[in-house]
Amino acid sequence: MIQRHESLSLRRQCELLGLDRSGLYYTPVPIAPEEIALCHRLDELYTARPHYGVRSMTAVLRREGPAINPKRVRRLLRQMGLLAI
């Protein structure tokens, strides 16, 4: 959409399109495979026990592997749109 052009600067092109220039230079950070695996495990736990909240999910995950922070569990559940029943 935006190209380097001699007659129109990048600033002007962004201005015409109503975009911020900072968005031009941003490169998205890929999601770590560990994070994806954790999301899959949270989804499995939620499917099996939809009444589990953040504390219960954190306790189960801590029993299964390395220590995990409740804030991280809360953030991932929120991103996935999962709520305890």
N, C-alpha and C. Protein backbone atom coordinates (compact mmCIF):
# COMPACT_ATOMS: atom_id res chain seq x y z
N MET A 1 0.83 -1.17 0.00
CA MET A 1 0.00 0.00 0.00
C MET A 1 0.88 1.25 0.00
N ILE A 2 1.86 1.30 0.90
CA ILE A 2 2.76 2.45 0.95
C ILE A 2 4.08 2.02 0.34
N GLN A 3 4.56 2.82 -0.61
CA GLN A 3 5.80 2.49 -1.29
C GLN A 3 6.72 3.70 -1.29
N ARG A 4 8.00 3.41 -1.39
CA ARG A 4 8.95 4.50 -1.54
C ARG A 4 8.77 5.09 -2.92
N HIS A 5 8.48 6.37 -2.96
CA HIS A 5 8.16 7.04 -4.22
C HIS A 5 8.85 8.40 -4.20
N GLU A 6 9.37 8.81 -5.33
CA GLU A 6 10.11 10.08 -5.37
C GLU A 6 9.20 11.29 -5.24
N SER A 7 8.00 11.22 -5.76
CA SER A 7 7.14 12.40 -5.72
C SER A 7 6.38 12.55 -4.39
N LEU A 8 6.10 11.44 -3.72
CA LEU A 8 5.40 11.50 -2.43
C LEU A 8 6.27 10.88 -1.34
N SER A 9 6.52 11.63 -0.30
CA SER A 9 7.30 11.10 0.81
C SER A 9 6.46 10.10 1.60
N LEU A 10 7.14 9.28 2.40
CA LEU A 10 6.43 8.33 3.25
C LEU A 10 5.53 9.06 4.24
N ARG A 11 6.01 10.18 4.72
CA ARG A 11 5.22 10.98 5.67
C ARG A 11 3.91 11.42 5.02
N ARG A 12 3.99 11.92 3.79
CA ARG A 12 2.80 12.40 3.10
C ARG A 12 1.84 11.25 2.77
N GLN A 13 2.39 10.12 2.36
CA GLN A 13 1.55 8.96 2.05
C GLN A 13 0.78 8.51 3.29
N CYS A 14 1.48 8.46 4.44
CA CYS A 14 0.81 8.08 5.69
C CYS A 14 -0.25 9.09 6.07
N GLU A 15 0.06 10.35 5.85
CA GLU A 15 -0.89 11.42 6.16
C GLU A 15 -2.15 11.29 5.31
N LEU A 16 -1.99 11.01 4.02
CA LEU A 16 -3.14 10.86 3.12
C LEU A 16 -3.99 9.65 3.48
N LEU A 17 -3.33 8.58 3.94
CA LEU A 17 -4.06 7.36 4.29
C LEU A 17 -4.59 7.38 5.72
N GLY A 18 -4.18 8.37 6.50
CA GLY A 18 -4.63 8.45 7.89
C GLY A 18 -3.95 7.43 8.80
N LEU A 19 -2.71 7.07 8.47
CA LEU A 19 -1.96 6.09 9.25
C LEU A 19 -0.84 6.78 10.03
N ASP A 20 -0.44 6.16 11.13
CA ASP A 20 0.70 6.65 11.87
C ASP A 20 1.97 6.11 11.22
N ARG A 21 3.01 6.94 11.19
CA ARG A 21 4.27 6.48 10.60
C ARG A 21 4.91 5.39 11.43
N SER A 22 4.67 5.39 12.72
CA SER A 22 5.29 4.36 13.58
C SER A 22 4.82 2.96 13.16
N GLY A 23 3.62 2.85 12.62
CA GLY A 23 3.13 1.56 12.16
C GLY A 23 3.87 1.05 10.94
N LEU A 24 4.50 1.93 10.21
CA LEU A 24 5.28 1.54 9.04
C LEU A 24 6.50 0.73 9.42
N TYR A 25 7.12 1.10 10.51
CA TYR A 25 8.40 0.52 10.88
C TYR A 25 8.26 -0.62 11.88
N TYR A 26 7.07 -0.89 12.34
CA TYR A 26 6.84 -1.94 13.31
C TYR A 26 6.85 -3.31 12.64
N THR A 27 7.62 -4.22 13.19
CA THR A 27 7.57 -5.61 12.72
C THR A 27 7.05 -6.46 13.87
N PRO A 28 5.98 -7.20 13.66
CA PRO A 28 5.38 -7.99 14.73
C PRO A 28 6.36 -9.04 15.27
N VAL A 29 6.31 -9.26 16.56
CA VAL A 29 7.15 -10.27 17.19
C VAL A 29 6.41 -11.59 17.14
N PRO A 30 7.04 -12.65 16.62
CA PRO A 30 6.34 -13.94 16.57
C PRO A 30 6.11 -14.50 17.97
N ILE A 31 5.03 -15.25 18.10
CA ILE A 31 4.69 -15.85 19.38
C ILE A 31 5.59 -17.07 19.61
N ALA A 32 6.13 -17.16 20.81
CA ALA A 32 7.04 -18.26 21.14
C ALA A 32 6.29 -19.59 21.14
N PRO A 33 6.94 -20.67 20.71
CA PRO A 33 6.28 -21.99 20.72
C PRO A 33 5.82 -22.42 22.12
N GLU A 34 6.57 -22.01 23.15
CA GLU A 34 6.17 -22.36 24.52
C GLU A 34 4.84 -21.70 24.88
N GLU A 35 4.68 -20.47 24.41
CA GLU A 35 3.44 -19.73 24.68
C GLU A 35 2.25 -20.41 23.97
N ILE A 36 2.47 -20.87 22.76
CA ILE A 36 1.41 -21.56 22.01
C ILE A 36 1.05 -22.88 22.69
N ALA A 37 2.07 -23.61 23.14
CA ALA A 37 1.82 -24.87 23.85
C ALA A 37 1.04 -24.62 25.14
N LEU A 38 1.38 -23.56 25.85
CA LEU A 38 0.67 -23.21 27.08
C LEU A 38 -0.78 -22.86 26.78
N CYS A 39 -1.01 -22.13 25.70
CA CYS A 39 -2.39 -21.79 25.31
C CYS A 39 -3.19 -23.04 24.98
N HIS A 40 -2.57 -23.99 24.30
CA HIS A 40 -3.26 -25.25 23.98
C HIS A 40 -3.62 -26.01 25.26
N ARG A 41 -2.68 -26.02 26.21
CA ARG A 41 -2.94 -26.72 27.47
C ARG A 41 -4.06 -26.03 28.26
N LEU A 42 -4.04 -24.70 28.27
CA LEU A 42 -5.12 -23.96 28.94
C LEU A 42 -6.46 -24.26 28.30
N ASP A 43 -6.48 -24.36 26.98
CA ASP A 43 -7.72 -24.67 26.27
C ASP A 43 -8.21 -26.06 26.64
N GLU A 44 -7.29 -27.02 26.74
CA GLU A 44 -7.68 -28.38 27.13
C GLU A 44 -8.25 -28.39 28.55
N LEU A 45 -7.57 -27.68 29.45
CA LEU A 45 -8.07 -27.62 30.83
C LEU A 45 -9.44 -26.96 30.90
N TYR A 46 -9.61 -25.88 30.15
CA TYR A 46 -10.88 -25.16 30.17
C TYR A 46 -12.00 -26.03 29.60
N THR A 47 -11.70 -26.78 28.55
CA THR A 47 -12.71 -27.66 27.95
C THR A 47 -13.14 -28.73 28.94
N ALA A 48 -12.17 -29.28 29.68
CA ALA A 48 -12.48 -30.34 30.65
C ALA A 48 -13.17 -29.78 31.89
N ARG A 49 -12.74 -28.59 32.33
CA ARG A 49 -13.26 -28.01 33.59
C ARG A 49 -13.52 -26.52 33.40
N PRO A 50 -14.63 -26.15 32.79
CA PRO A 50 -14.91 -24.72 32.53
C PRO A 50 -15.16 -23.91 33.79
N HIS A 51 -15.33 -24.56 34.93
CA HIS A 51 -15.58 -23.83 36.18
C HIS A 51 -14.27 -23.41 36.84
N TYR A 52 -13.14 -23.88 36.35
CA TYR A 52 -11.84 -23.48 36.93
C TYR A 52 -11.54 -22.03 36.60
N GLY A 53 -11.10 -21.30 37.58
CA GLY A 53 -10.68 -19.93 37.39
C GLY A 53 -9.16 -19.85 37.26
N VAL A 54 -8.65 -18.65 37.39
CA VAL A 54 -7.21 -18.42 37.23
C VAL A 54 -6.42 -19.18 38.30
N ARG A 55 -6.87 -19.13 39.54
CA ARG A 55 -6.13 -19.79 40.61
C ARG A 55 -6.07 -21.30 40.42
N SER A 56 -7.18 -21.89 40.06
CA SER A 56 -7.22 -23.35 39.85
C SER A 56 -6.37 -23.75 38.66
N MET A 57 -6.47 -22.99 37.57
CA MET A 57 -5.67 -23.28 36.38
C MET A 57 -4.18 -23.18 36.70
N THR A 58 -3.81 -22.15 37.46
CA THR A 58 -2.42 -21.95 37.83
C THR A 58 -1.93 -23.13 38.68
N ALA A 59 -2.75 -23.58 39.62
CA ALA A 59 -2.36 -24.69 40.48
C ALA A 59 -2.14 -25.96 39.66
N VAL A 60 -3.02 -26.25 38.72
CA VAL A 60 -2.88 -27.44 37.88
C VAL A 60 -1.61 -27.34 37.04
N LEU A 61 -1.37 -26.19 36.44
CA LEU A 61 -0.19 -26.02 35.59
C LEU A 61 1.10 -26.10 36.40
N ARG A 62 1.09 -25.62 37.62
CA ARG A 62 2.28 -25.70 38.47
C ARG A 62 2.58 -27.15 38.85
N ARG A 63 1.54 -27.96 39.04
CA ARG A 63 1.75 -29.37 39.34
C ARG A 63 2.32 -30.13 38.15
N GLU A 64 1.97 -29.67 36.94
CA GLU A 64 2.40 -30.37 35.73
C GLU A 64 3.81 -30.02 35.29
N GLY A 65 4.27 -28.81 35.62
CA GLY A 65 5.58 -28.42 35.10
C GLY A 65 6.17 -27.27 35.88
N PRO A 66 6.94 -26.45 35.18
CA PRO A 66 7.61 -25.33 35.85
C PRO A 66 6.61 -24.31 36.39
N ALA A 67 7.08 -23.53 37.36
CA ALA A 67 6.22 -22.52 37.99
C ALA A 67 5.71 -21.52 36.96
N ILE A 68 4.46 -21.18 37.09
CA ILE A 68 3.83 -20.22 36.19
C ILE A 68 3.14 -19.15 37.03
N ASN A 69 3.18 -17.96 36.56
CA ASN A 69 2.63 -16.81 37.26
C ASN A 69 1.12 -16.70 37.00
N PRO A 70 0.30 -16.42 38.03
CA PRO A 70 -1.14 -16.24 37.80
C PRO A 70 -1.45 -15.09 36.84
N LYS A 71 -0.59 -14.07 36.84
CA LYS A 71 -0.81 -12.96 35.91
C LYS A 71 -0.73 -13.43 34.46
N ARG A 72 0.21 -14.33 34.20
CA ARG A 72 0.37 -14.86 32.84
C ARG A 72 -0.85 -15.69 32.45
N VAL A 73 -1.32 -16.52 33.37
CA VAL A 73 -2.51 -17.34 33.11
C VAL A 73 -3.71 -16.43 32.84
N ARG A 74 -3.87 -15.40 33.65
CA ARG A 74 -4.99 -14.46 33.49
C ARG A 74 -4.92 -13.78 32.12
N ARG A 75 -3.72 -13.33 31.74
CA ARG A 75 -3.55 -12.64 30.47
C ARG A 75 -3.87 -13.57 29.30
N LEU A 76 -3.38 -14.80 29.35
CA LEU A 76 -3.64 -15.74 28.25
C LEU A 76 -5.12 -16.11 28.17
N LEU A 77 -5.74 -16.34 29.31
CA LEU A 77 -7.18 -16.66 29.29
C LEU A 77 -7.98 -15.49 28.72
N ARG A 78 -7.59 -14.28 29.08
CA ARG A 78 -8.28 -13.10 28.57
C ARG A 78 -8.09 -12.98 27.06
N GLN A 79 -6.86 -13.22 26.58
CA GLN A 79 -6.59 -13.14 25.15
C GLN A 79 -7.37 -14.18 24.37
N MET A 80 -7.54 -15.36 24.98
CA MET A 80 -8.29 -16.43 24.30
C MET A 80 -9.79 -16.29 24.47
N GLY A 81 -10.22 -15.35 25.30
CA GLY A 81 -11.65 -15.11 25.48
C GLY A 81 -12.32 -16.15 26.37
N LEU A 82 -11.57 -16.75 27.28
CA LEU A 82 -12.13 -17.78 28.15
C LEU A 82 -12.43 -17.20 29.52
N LEU A 83 -13.62 -17.50 30.03
CA LEU A 83 -14.06 -17.04 31.35
C LEU A 83 -14.58 -18.24 32.13
N ALA A 84 -14.33 -18.25 33.43
CA ALA A 84 -14.84 -19.33 34.27
C ALA A 84 -16.36 -19.21 34.39
N ILE A 85 -17.00 -20.35 34.45
CA ILE A 85 -18.48 -20.38 34.57
C ILE A 85 -18.85 -20.34 36.03
